[in-house]
Amino acid sequence: MSKSENVQLLEVDVAKLSSKSENVQHLEVVVAKPSSRNDDIEVTSSCPHTWYRVHCRLLPDLHIQVRLFKNSVSLSDLVGFNNTGNVCIWPSEECLAYYCLENRTQFSGSRVLEVGGGMTCLAGLLLAKTNVAKQVHLTDGNSNAATNLQDMLEGDQVNLGGGSTEVSASMLRWDDVEAVEHLKNSFDWIICADCLFFDSGREGLVTAIQQLLTPDGVALIVAPNRGGTFTQFENSARRLFDVQVQTNYSPTIWEAHQRWLEDPAYQTDIHYPKLMMLSNKSCS
């Protein structure tokens, strides 16, 4: 495909924080709906994809490209190891991406792992584009999402521009003991967006993060409370980590949240992501 002609515009625009439809919303990282032009659709293994151009208003000269799956989602699309990351880019991922860009200097020279990043690992990719981190490894536990990440990186279709940051992608399930052990103590930072929904996954995620982080590493978890799932994960994490929870972690995101409170359809519990920071107790 022609990257100049067949790429959609995907800015993340903080003006729209909530996800009230299956389409990607706008959060300072402006996300436009795919056009209906047939030449904008790439079909791989009988699965249509659309390419988007992404930029963030915080850093106007920063651009990447991402490939998203088809817009229409059936019930069967949600079957498998947490296939929700194949549905859309969730607002928590956009908030995490914006937070990482706002605070990019803290990742200087670090090895960064994104877990459960879905089909784009938007936060990890945008961070990689800044060329601040030494290494960014993008992962998801769903094979379709992981394949999409690897395909995007092949030939630098994502447009990282051959910077100094080493970028890679793989499938990683946090219940895969062997895979987690292989990467033990490998990362200074772990970033994760909206991976707390499923009851069966929270304890495993806590354990995996503890193993994957270096002794003085930090994990950033961004997710809405969503019926208490955030708090349940927090309680589990406190067994192994020192935990800090921030509600107002970005002036821009907080301002967007305040504007959306005027909308009757906006519900803080499911629409507003909080930030949790985890660090090993031994390093406190």
C-alpha atoms as a PDB file:
ATOM      1  CA  MET A   1       0.000   0.000   0.000  1.00  0.00           C
ATOM      2  CA  SER A   2       1.053   3.599  -0.515  1.00  0.00           C
ATOM      3  CA  LYS A   3       1.776   5.127   2.861  1.00  0.00           C
ATOM      4  CA  SER A   4       1.190   8.628   1.490  1.00  0.00           C
ATOM      5  CA  GLU A   5      -2.220   7.922  -0.043  1.00  0.00           C
ATOM      6  CA  ASN A   6      -3.731   5.117   2.025  1.00  0.00           C
ATOM      7  CA  VAL A   7      -3.202   6.417   5.533  1.00  0.00           C
ATOM      8  CA  GLN A   8      -6.032   7.884   7.604  1.00  0.00           C
ATOM      9  CA  LEU A   9      -5.633  10.741  10.061  1.00  0.00           C
ATOM     10  CA  LEU A  10      -5.598   9.712  13.735  1.00  0.00           C
ATOM     11  CA  GLU A  11      -4.791  12.589  16.053  1.00  0.00           C
ATOM     12  CA  VAL A  12      -5.345  12.066  19.734  1.00  0.00           C
ATOM     13  CA  ASP A  13      -7.461  14.983  20.901  1.00  0.00           C
ATOM     14  CA  VAL A  14      -8.068  15.522  24.604  1.00  0.00           C
ATOM     15  CA  ALA A  15     -11.405  17.163  23.845  1.00  0.00           C
ATOM     16  CA  LYS A  16     -13.144  13.769  23.946  1.00  0.00           C
ATOM     17  CA  LEU A  17     -12.208  11.536  26.815  1.00  0.00           C
ATOM     18  CA  SER A  18     -15.077   9.080  27.054  1.00  0.00           C
ATOM     19  CA  SER A  19     -15.644   6.014  24.924  1.00  0.00           C
ATOM     20  CA  LYS A  20     -19.362   5.940  24.273  1.00  0.00           C
ATOM     21  CA  SER A  21     -19.230   4.082  20.988  1.00  0.00           C
ATOM     22  CA  GLU A  22     -17.117   1.383  19.426  1.00  0.00           C
ATOM     23  CA  ASN A  23     -15.291   4.019  17.373  1.00  0.00           C
ATOM     24  CA  VAL A  24     -12.026   5.465  18.600  1.00  0.00           C
ATOM     25  CA  GLN A  25     -12.489   8.676  20.557  1.00  0.00           C
ATOM     26  CA  HIS A  26     -10.291  11.773  20.508  1.00  0.00           C
ATOM     27  CA  LEU A  27      -7.737  12.499  23.230  1.00  0.00           C
ATOM     28  CA  GLU A  28      -4.840  14.762  22.219  1.00  0.00           C
ATOM     29  CA  VAL A  29      -3.463  11.693  20.448  1.00  0.00           C
ATOM     30  CA  VAL A  30      -7.080  13.181  17.060  1.00  0.00           C
ATOM     31  CA  VAL A  31      -8.645   9.882  15.920  1.00  0.00           C
ATOM     32  CA  ALA A  32     -10.723  10.103  12.759  1.00  0.00           C
ATOM     33  CA  LYS A  33     -13.068   7.401  11.544  1.00  0.00           C
ATOM     34  CA  PRO A  34     -11.797   5.349   8.591  1.00  0.00           C
ATOM     35  CA  SER A  35     -12.993   6.508   5.211  1.00  0.00           C
ATOM     36  CA  SER A  36     -15.079   4.238   3.017  1.00  0.00           C
ATOM     37  CA  ARG A  37     -12.543   4.224   0.192  1.00  0.00           C
ATOM     38  CA  ASN A  38     -11.700   0.672  -0.765  1.00  0.00           C
ATOM     39  CA  ASP A  39      -8.040   1.470  -1.367  1.00  0.00           C
ATOM     40  CA  ASP A  40      -7.679   2.422   2.282  1.00  0.00           C
ATOM     41  CA  ILE A  41      -8.320  -1.161   3.326  1.00  0.00           C
ATOM     42  CA  GLU A  42      -5.527  -3.712   3.477  1.00  0.00           C
ATOM     43  CA  VAL A  43      -6.598  -7.333   3.667  1.00  0.00           C
ATOM     44  CA  THR A  44      -4.237  -9.705   5.498  1.00  0.00           C
ATOM     45  CA  SER A  45      -5.214 -13.333   6.158  1.00  0.00           C
ATOM     46  CA  SER A  46      -8.820 -12.535   5.222  1.00  0.00           C
ATOM     47  CA  CYS A  47      -8.900  -9.792   7.886  1.00  0.00           C
ATOM     48  CA  PRO A  48      -9.274  -6.189   6.641  1.00  0.00           C
ATOM     49  CA  HIS A  49      -7.084  -3.493   8.169  1.00  0.00           C
ATOM     50  CA  THR A  50      -6.907   0.270   7.825  1.00  0.00           C
ATOM     51  CA  TRP A  51      -3.806   2.403   8.283  1.00  0.00           C
ATOM     52  CA  TYR A  52      -3.965   5.644  10.264  1.00  0.00           C
ATOM     53  CA  ARG A  53      -1.563   8.494  10.735  1.00  0.00           C
ATOM     54  CA  VAL A  54      -1.148   9.431  14.406  1.00  0.00           C
ATOM     55  CA  HIS A  55       0.156  12.623  15.922  1.00  0.00           C
ATOM     56  CA  CYS A  56      -0.092  14.327  19.280  1.00  0.00           C
ATOM     57  CA  ARG A  57      -0.667  18.047  19.668  1.00  0.00           C
ATOM     58  CA  LEU A  58       1.749  18.090  22.586  1.00  0.00           C
ATOM     59  CA  LEU A  59       4.565  17.300  20.098  1.00  0.00           C
ATOM     60  CA  PRO A  60       3.333  18.532  16.687  1.00  0.00           C
ATOM     61  CA  ASP A  61       6.330  17.183  14.769  1.00  0.00           C
ATOM     62  CA  LEU A  62       5.877  13.642  16.106  1.00  0.00           C
ATOM     63  CA  HIS A  63       4.063  11.319  13.679  1.00  0.00           C
ATOM     64  CA  ILE A  64       3.613   7.567  13.461  1.00  0.00           C
ATOM     65  CA  GLN A  65       1.324   5.223  11.537  1.00  0.00           C
ATOM     66  CA  VAL A  66      -0.744   2.394  12.989  1.00  0.00           C
ATOM     67  CA  ARG A  67      -2.809  -0.373  11.451  1.00  0.00           C
ATOM     68  CA  LEU A  68      -6.227  -1.091  12.947  1.00  0.00           C
ATOM     69  CA  PHE A  69      -8.537  -4.024  12.352  1.00  0.00           C
ATOM     70  CA  LYS A  70     -11.933  -3.736  10.720  1.00  0.00           C
ATOM     71  CA  ASN A  71     -14.474  -1.409  12.323  1.00  0.00           C
ATOM     72  CA  SER A  72     -17.329  -3.880  12.584  1.00  0.00           C
ATOM     73  CA  VAL A  73     -16.991  -6.210  15.558  1.00  0.00           C
ATOM     74  CA  SER A  74     -18.908  -9.445  16.041  1.00  0.00           C
ATOM     75  CA  LEU A  75     -19.266 -11.495  19.206  1.00  0.00           C
ATOM     76  CA  SER A  76     -16.798 -14.018  17.802  1.00  0.00           C
ATOM     77  CA  ASP A  77     -14.178 -11.252  17.544  1.00  0.00           C
ATOM     78  CA  LEU A  78     -14.123 -11.105  21.344  1.00  0.00           C
ATOM     79  CA  VAL A  79     -13.312 -14.792  21.802  1.00  0.00           C
ATOM     80  CA  GLY A  80      -9.757 -15.756  22.792  1.00  0.00           C
ATOM     81  CA  PHE A  81      -7.183 -14.531  25.262  1.00  0.00           C
ATOM     82  CA  ASN A  82      -8.544 -11.043  25.956  1.00  0.00           C
ATOM     83  CA  ASN A  83      -9.319 -10.007  22.409  1.00  0.00           C
ATOM     84  CA  THR A  84     -10.689  -6.635  23.530  1.00  0.00           C
ATOM     85  CA  GLY A  85      -7.493  -4.947  22.337  1.00  0.00           C
ATOM     86  CA  ASN A  86      -8.487  -5.825  18.781  1.00  0.00           C
ATOM     87  CA  VAL A  87     -11.738  -3.852  18.943  1.00  0.00           C
ATOM     88  CA  CYS A  88     -10.445  -0.288  19.137  1.00  0.00           C
ATOM     89  CA  ILE A  89      -7.893   1.942  20.800  1.00  0.00           C
ATOM     90  CA  TRP A  90      -9.391   2.407  24.262  1.00  0.00           C
ATOM     91  CA  PRO A  91      -9.347   5.822  26.026  1.00  0.00           C
ATOM     92  CA  SER A  92      -7.044   4.456  28.740  1.00  0.00           C
ATOM     93  CA  GLU A  93      -4.412   3.733  26.078  1.00  0.00           C
ATOM     94  CA  GLU A  94      -4.731   7.287  24.791  1.00  0.00           C
ATOM     95  CA  CYS A  95      -4.387   8.691  28.318  1.00  0.00           C
ATOM     96  CA  LEU A  96      -1.339   6.498  28.939  1.00  0.00           C
ATOM     97  CA  ALA A  97       0.188   7.642  25.655  1.00  0.00           C
ATOM     98  CA  TYR A  98      -0.320  11.290  26.522  1.00  0.00           C
ATOM     99  CA  TYR A  99       1.058  10.823  30.034  1.00  0.00           C
ATOM    100  CA  CYS A 100       4.170   9.105  28.667  1.00  0.00           C
ATOM    101  CA  LEU A 101       4.777  11.919  26.202  1.00  0.00           C
ATOM    102  CA  GLU A 102       4.268  14.580  28.866  1.00  0.00           C
ATOM    103  CA  ASN A 103       6.742  12.776  31.137  1.00  0.00           C
ATOM    104  CA  ARG A 104       9.028  11.327  28.457  1.00  0.00           C
ATOM    105  CA  THR A 105      12.272  12.442  30.119  1.00  0.00           C
ATOM    106  CA  GLN A 106      11.737   9.963  32.981  1.00  0.00           C
ATOM    107  CA  PHE A 107      12.184   7.134  30.457  1.00  0.00           C
ATOM    108  CA  SER A 108      15.599   8.389  29.322  1.00  0.00           C
ATOM    109  CA  GLY A 109      17.967   5.481  28.640  1.00  0.00           C
ATOM    110  CA  SER A 110      15.454   2.977  30.035  1.00  0.00           C
ATOM    111  CA  ARG A 111      14.096  -0.363  28.885  1.00  0.00           C
ATOM    112  CA  VAL A 112      10.322  -0.103  28.569  1.00  0.00           C
ATOM    113  CA  LEU A 113       7.773  -2.902  28.211  1.00  0.00           C
ATOM    114  CA  GLU A 114       4.147  -2.368  27.246  1.00  0.00           C
ATOM    115  CA  VAL A 115       1.900  -5.268  28.261  1.00  0.00           C
ATOM    116  CA  GLY A 116      -1.631  -5.814  27.013  1.00  0.00           C
ATOM    117  CA  GLY A 117      -1.203  -3.034  24.460  1.00  0.00           C
ATOM    118  CA  GLY A 118      -3.711  -4.408  21.978  1.00  0.00           C
ATOM    119  CA  MET A 119      -3.268  -4.154  18.226  1.00  0.00           C
ATOM    120  CA  THR A 120      -1.271  -0.896  18.296  1.00  0.00           C
ATOM    121  CA  CYS A 121       0.476  -0.425  21.674  1.00  0.00           C
ATOM    122  CA  LEU A 122      -0.091   3.253  20.987  1.00  0.00           C
ATOM    123  CA  ALA A 123       1.601   4.474  24.166  1.00  0.00           C
ATOM    124  CA  GLY A 124       4.723   2.406  23.561  1.00  0.00           C
ATOM    125  CA  LEU A 125       4.960   3.375  19.912  1.00  0.00           C
ATOM    126  CA  LEU A 126       4.628   7.106  20.568  1.00  0.00           C
ATOM    127  CA  LEU A 127       7.186   6.874  23.364  1.00  0.00           C
ATOM    128  CA  ALA A 128       9.543   4.991  21.038  1.00  0.00           C
ATOM    129  CA  LYS A 129       9.164   7.727  18.434  1.00  0.00           C
ATOM    130  CA  THR A 130      10.586  10.293  20.878  1.00  0.00           C
ATOM    131  CA  ASN A 131      13.908   8.352  20.912  1.00  0.00           C
ATOM    132  CA  VAL A 132      14.232   8.867  24.650  1.00  0.00           C
ATOM    133  CA  ALA A 133      14.147   5.252  25.850  1.00  0.00           C
ATOM    134  CA  LYS A 134      16.912   2.777  25.117  1.00  0.00           C
ATOM    135  CA  GLN A 135      14.471  -0.012  24.304  1.00  0.00           C
ATOM    136  CA  VAL A 136      10.687  -0.352  23.895  1.00  0.00           C
ATOM    137  CA  HIS A 137       9.170  -3.833  23.687  1.00  0.00           C
ATOM    138  CA  LEU A 138       5.508  -3.991  22.604  1.00  0.00           C
ATOM    139  CA  THR A 139       3.345  -6.956  23.626  1.00  0.00           C
ATOM    140  CA  ASP A 140      -0.160  -8.304  23.834  1.00  0.00           C
ATOM    141  CA  GLY A 141      -1.458 -11.695  24.934  1.00  0.00           C
ATOM    142  CA  ASN A 142      -3.646 -12.128  21.859  1.00  0.00           C
ATOM    143  CA  SER A 143      -1.934 -13.658  18.840  1.00  0.00           C
ATOM    144  CA  ASN A 144      -3.794 -11.483  16.291  1.00  0.00           C
ATOM    145  CA  ALA A 145      -2.798  -8.311  18.112  1.00  0.00           C
ATOM    146  CA  ALA A 146       0.817  -9.463  18.482  1.00  0.00           C
ATOM    147  CA  THR A 147       1.009 -10.322  14.779  1.00  0.00           C
ATOM    148  CA  ASN A 148      -0.344  -6.898  13.886  1.00  0.00           C
ATOM    149  CA  LEU A 149       2.339  -5.255  16.034  1.00  0.00           C
ATOM    150  CA  GLN A 150       5.084  -7.276  14.358  1.00  0.00           C
ATOM    151  CA  ASP A 151       3.687  -6.536  10.890  1.00  0.00           C
ATOM    152  CA  MET A 152       3.601  -2.811  11.618  1.00  0.00           C
ATOM    153  CA  LEU A 153       7.250  -2.808  12.680  1.00  0.00           C
ATOM    154  CA  GLU A 154       8.368  -4.778   9.619  1.00  0.00           C
ATOM    155  CA  GLY A 155      10.036  -2.411   7.179  1.00  0.00           C
ATOM    156  CA  ASP A 156       9.256   0.479   9.554  1.00  0.00           C
ATOM    157  CA  GLN A 157       5.747   0.847   8.184  1.00  0.00           C
ATOM    158  CA  VAL A 158       4.897   2.505  11.484  1.00  0.00           C
ATOM    159  CA  ASN A 159       7.320   5.319  10.546  1.00  0.00           C
ATOM    160  CA  LEU A 160       9.585   5.330  13.583  1.00  0.00           C
ATOM    161  CA  GLY A 161      12.283   6.704  11.323  1.00  0.00           C
ATOM    162  CA  GLY A 162      15.224   4.567  12.390  1.00  0.00           C
ATOM    163  CA  GLY A 163      15.771   6.404  15.649  1.00  0.00           C
ATOM    164  CA  SER A 164      18.076   5.365  18.458  1.00  0.00           C
ATOM    165  CA  THR A 165      15.397   3.493  20.435  1.00  0.00           C
ATOM    166  CA  GLU A 166      15.372  -0.264  19.826  1.00  0.00           C
ATOM    167  CA  VAL A 167      11.760  -1.319  19.170  1.00  0.00           C
ATOM    168  CA  SER A 168      10.454  -4.904  19.080  1.00  0.00           C
ATOM    169  CA  ALA A 169       7.161  -6.750  19.478  1.00  0.00           C
ATOM    170  CA  SER A 170       5.996 -10.180  20.563  1.00  0.00           C
ATOM    171  CA  MET A 171       3.096 -12.061  22.064  1.00  0.00           C
ATOM    172  CA  LEU A 172       3.246 -12.154  25.859  1.00  0.00           C
ATOM    173  CA  ARG A 173       0.635 -13.646  28.136  1.00  0.00           C
ATOM    174  CA  TRP A 174       1.282 -12.934  31.770  1.00  0.00           C
ATOM    175  CA  ASP A 175       0.105 -16.452  32.658  1.00  0.00           C
ATOM    176  CA  ASP A 176       2.847 -17.907  30.455  1.00  0.00           C
ATOM    177  CA  VAL A 177       5.345 -18.753  33.187  1.00  0.00           C
ATOM    178  CA  GLU A 178       8.139 -19.712  30.797  1.00  0.00           C
ATOM    179  CA  ALA A 179       7.826 -16.557  28.693  1.00  0.00           C
ATOM    180  CA  VAL A 180       7.738 -14.312  31.748  1.00  0.00           C
ATOM    181  CA  GLU A 181      10.725 -16.112  33.279  1.00  0.00           C
ATOM    182  CA  HIS A 182      12.672 -15.568  30.037  1.00  0.00           C
ATOM    183  CA  LEU A 183      12.206 -11.803  30.443  1.00  0.00           C
ATOM    184  CA  LYS A 184      12.687 -11.715  34.207  1.00  0.00           C
ATOM    185  CA  ASN A 185      14.084  -8.441  35.616  1.00  0.00           C
ATOM    186  CA  SER A 186      14.507  -7.068  32.090  1.00  0.00           C
ATOM    187  CA  PHE A 187      12.600  -3.778  32.225  1.00  0.00           C
ATOM    188  CA  ASP A 188      12.989  -0.490  34.060  1.00  0.00           C
ATOM    189  CA  TRP A 189       9.436   0.548  33.208  1.00  0.00           C
ATOM    190  CA  ILE A 190       6.263  -1.384  32.455  1.00  0.00           C
ATOM    191  CA  ILE A 191       3.293   0.476  31.012  1.00  0.00           C
ATOM    192  CA  CYS A 192      -0.185  -0.995  30.859  1.00  0.00           C
ATOM    193  CA  ALA A 193      -3.609   0.394  29.909  1.00  0.00           C
ATOM    194  CA  ASP A 194      -7.041  -1.006  30.756  1.00  0.00           C
ATOM    195  CA  CYS A 195      -6.016  -4.605  31.489  1.00  0.00           C
ATOM    196  CA  LEU A 196      -7.859  -4.985  34.797  1.00  0.00           C
ATOM    197  CA  PHE A 197     -11.359  -5.890  33.615  1.00  0.00           C
ATOM    198  CA  PHE A 198     -11.173  -9.683  33.707  1.00  0.00           C
ATOM    199  CA  ASP A 199     -11.251 -11.297  37.153  1.00  0.00           C
ATOM    200  CA  SER A 200      -9.064 -14.175  36.021  1.00  0.00           C
ATOM    201  CA  GLY A 201      -6.217 -11.934  34.873  1.00  0.00           C
ATOM    202  CA  ARG A 202      -5.539  -9.522  37.721  1.00  0.00           C
ATOM    203  CA  GLU A 203      -3.515 -11.749  40.056  1.00  0.00           C
ATOM    204  CA  GLY A 204      -1.424 -13.055  37.178  1.00  0.00           C
ATOM    205  CA  LEU A 205      -0.700  -9.531  35.997  1.00  0.00           C
ATOM    206  CA  VAL A 206       0.526  -8.495  39.446  1.00  0.00           C
ATOM    207  CA  THR A 207       2.873 -11.487  39.600  1.00  0.00           C
ATOM    208  CA  ALA A 208       4.141 -10.976  36.051  1.00  0.00           C
ATOM    209  CA  ILE A 209       4.900  -7.302  36.629  1.00  0.00           C
ATOM    210  CA  GLN A 210       6.877  -8.164  39.761  1.00  0.00           C
ATOM    211  CA  GLN A 211       8.967 -10.659  37.785  1.00  0.00           C
ATOM    212  CA  LEU A 212       9.462  -8.545  34.685  1.00  0.00           C
ATOM    213  CA  LEU A 213      10.568  -5.359  36.451  1.00  0.00           C
ATOM    214  CA  THR A 214      14.120  -4.701  37.536  1.00  0.00           C
ATOM    215  CA  PRO A 215      14.434  -4.413  41.340  1.00  0.00           C
ATOM    216  CA  ASP A 216      14.165  -0.620  41.156  1.00  0.00           C
ATOM    217  CA  GLY A 217      11.729  -0.591  38.232  1.00  0.00           C
ATOM    218  CA  VAL A 218       8.325   1.121  38.090  1.00  0.00           C
ATOM    219  CA  ALA A 219       5.040   0.049  36.519  1.00  0.00           C
ATOM    220  CA  LEU A 220       2.427   2.519  35.295  1.00  0.00           C
ATOM    221  CA  ILE A 221      -1.134   1.182  35.169  1.00  0.00           C
ATOM    222  CA  VAL A 222      -3.880   3.327  33.638  1.00  0.00           C
ATOM    223  CA  ALA A 223      -7.490   2.152  33.892  1.00  0.00           C
ATOM    224  CA  PRO A 224     -10.947   3.293  35.003  1.00  0.00           C
ATOM    225  CA  ASN A 225     -12.396   2.030  38.268  1.00  0.00           C
ATOM    226  CA  ARG A 226     -15.041   0.088  36.324  1.00  0.00           C
ATOM    227  CA  GLY A 227     -17.109  -1.507  39.038  1.00  0.00           C
ATOM    228  CA  GLY A 228     -14.256  -1.750  41.513  1.00  0.00           C
ATOM    229  CA  THR A 229     -11.835  -3.680  39.296  1.00  0.00           C
ATOM    230  CA  PHE A 230      -9.183  -0.974  39.666  1.00  0.00           C
ATOM    231  CA  THR A 231      -9.418  -1.198  43.459  1.00  0.00           C
ATOM    232  CA  GLN A 232      -9.325  -4.996  43.376  1.00  0.00           C
ATOM    233  CA  PHE A 233      -6.094  -4.883  41.366  1.00  0.00           C
ATOM    234  CA  GLU A 234      -4.697  -2.250  43.717  1.00  0.00           C
ATOM    235  CA  ASN A 235      -5.381  -4.471  46.730  1.00  0.00           C
ATOM    236  CA  SER A 236      -3.632  -7.400  45.057  1.00  0.00           C
ATOM    237  CA  ALA A 237      -0.675  -5.242  44.038  1.00  0.00           C
ATOM    238  CA  ARG A 238      -0.116  -3.992  47.589  1.00  0.00           C
ATOM    239  CA  ARG A 239       1.045  -7.486  48.568  1.00  0.00           C
ATOM    240  CA  LEU A 240       4.177  -7.080  46.453  1.00  0.00           C
ATOM    241  CA  PHE A 241       4.506  -3.378  45.709  1.00  0.00           C
ATOM    242  CA  ASP A 242       4.438   0.088  47.118  1.00  0.00           C
ATOM    243  CA  VAL A 243       1.416   1.578  45.390  1.00  0.00           C
ATOM    244  CA  GLN A 244       0.565   5.170  44.538  1.00  0.00           C
ATOM    245  CA  VAL A 245      -2.768   6.082  42.936  1.00  0.00           C
ATOM    246  CA  GLN A 246      -3.300   9.417  41.212  1.00  0.00           C
ATOM    247  CA  THR A 247      -6.584  10.743  39.904  1.00  0.00           C
ATOM    248  CA  ASN A 248      -5.251  14.054  38.610  1.00  0.00           C
ATOM    249  CA  TYR A 249      -2.019  13.002  36.890  1.00  0.00           C
ATOM    250  CA  SER A 250      -2.141  15.310  33.874  1.00  0.00           C
ATOM    251  CA  PRO A 251      -3.558  18.865  33.752  1.00  0.00           C
ATOM    252  CA  THR A 252      -4.706  18.352  30.171  1.00  0.00           C
ATOM    253  CA  ILE A 253      -6.453  15.040  30.815  1.00  0.00           C
ATOM    254  CA  TRP A 254      -7.994  16.359  34.041  1.00  0.00           C
ATOM    255  CA  GLU A 255      -9.349  19.402  32.205  1.00  0.00           C
ATOM    256  CA  ALA A 256     -10.957  17.125  29.624  1.00  0.00           C
ATOM    257  CA  HIS A 257     -12.480  15.048  32.428  1.00  0.00           C
ATOM    258  CA  GLN A 258     -13.951  18.173  34.040  1.00  0.00           C
ATOM    259  CA  ARG A 259     -15.567  19.218  30.763  1.00  0.00           C
ATOM    260  CA  TRP A 260     -17.079  15.770  30.242  1.00  0.00           C
ATOM    261  CA  LEU A 261     -18.681  15.799  33.685  1.00  0.00           C
ATOM    262  CA  GLU A 262     -21.281  18.134  32.201  1.00  0.00           C
ATOM    263  CA  ASP A 263     -22.416  15.364  29.845  1.00  0.00           C
ATOM    264  CA  PRO A 264     -25.127  13.194  31.473  1.00  0.00           C
ATOM    265  CA  ALA A 265     -23.877  10.149  29.543  1.00  0.00           C
ATOM    266  CA  TYR A 266     -20.381  10.471  30.972  1.00  0.00           C
ATOM    267  CA  GLN A 267     -19.742   8.183  33.941  1.00  0.00           C
ATOM    268  CA  THR A 268     -16.479   8.633  35.826  1.00  0.00           C
ATOM    269  CA  ASP A 269     -16.491   5.015  37.006  1.00  0.00           C
ATOM    270  CA  ILE A 270     -16.218   3.608  33.489  1.00  0.00           C
ATOM    271  CA  HIS A 271     -14.931   6.520  31.412  1.00  0.00           C
ATOM    272  CA  TYR A 272     -12.167   8.185  33.428  1.00  0.00           C
ATOM    273  CA  PRO A 273      -8.850   6.292  33.784  1.00  0.00           C
ATOM    274  CA  LYS A 274      -6.825   6.668  36.985  1.00  0.00           C
ATOM    275  CA  LEU A 275      -3.066   6.163  37.235  1.00  0.00           C
ATOM    276  CA  MET A 276      -1.450   3.565  39.501  1.00  0.00           C
ATOM    277  CA  MET A 277       2.316   3.457  40.043  1.00  0.00           C
ATOM    278  CA  LEU A 278       3.926   0.282  41.349  1.00  0.00           C
ATOM    279  CA  SER A 279       7.453  -0.024  42.751  1.00  0.00           C
ATOM    280  CA  ASN A 280       9.030  -2.942  44.601  1.00  0.00           C
ATOM    281  CA  LYS A 281       8.749  -2.730  48.392  1.00  0.00           C
ATOM    282  CA  SER A 282      12.476  -3.416  48.724  1.00  0.00           C
ATOM    283  CA  CYS A 283      13.181  -0.143  46.925  1.00  0.00           C
ATOM    284  CA  SER A 284      10.956   2.053  49.046  1.00  0.00           C
END
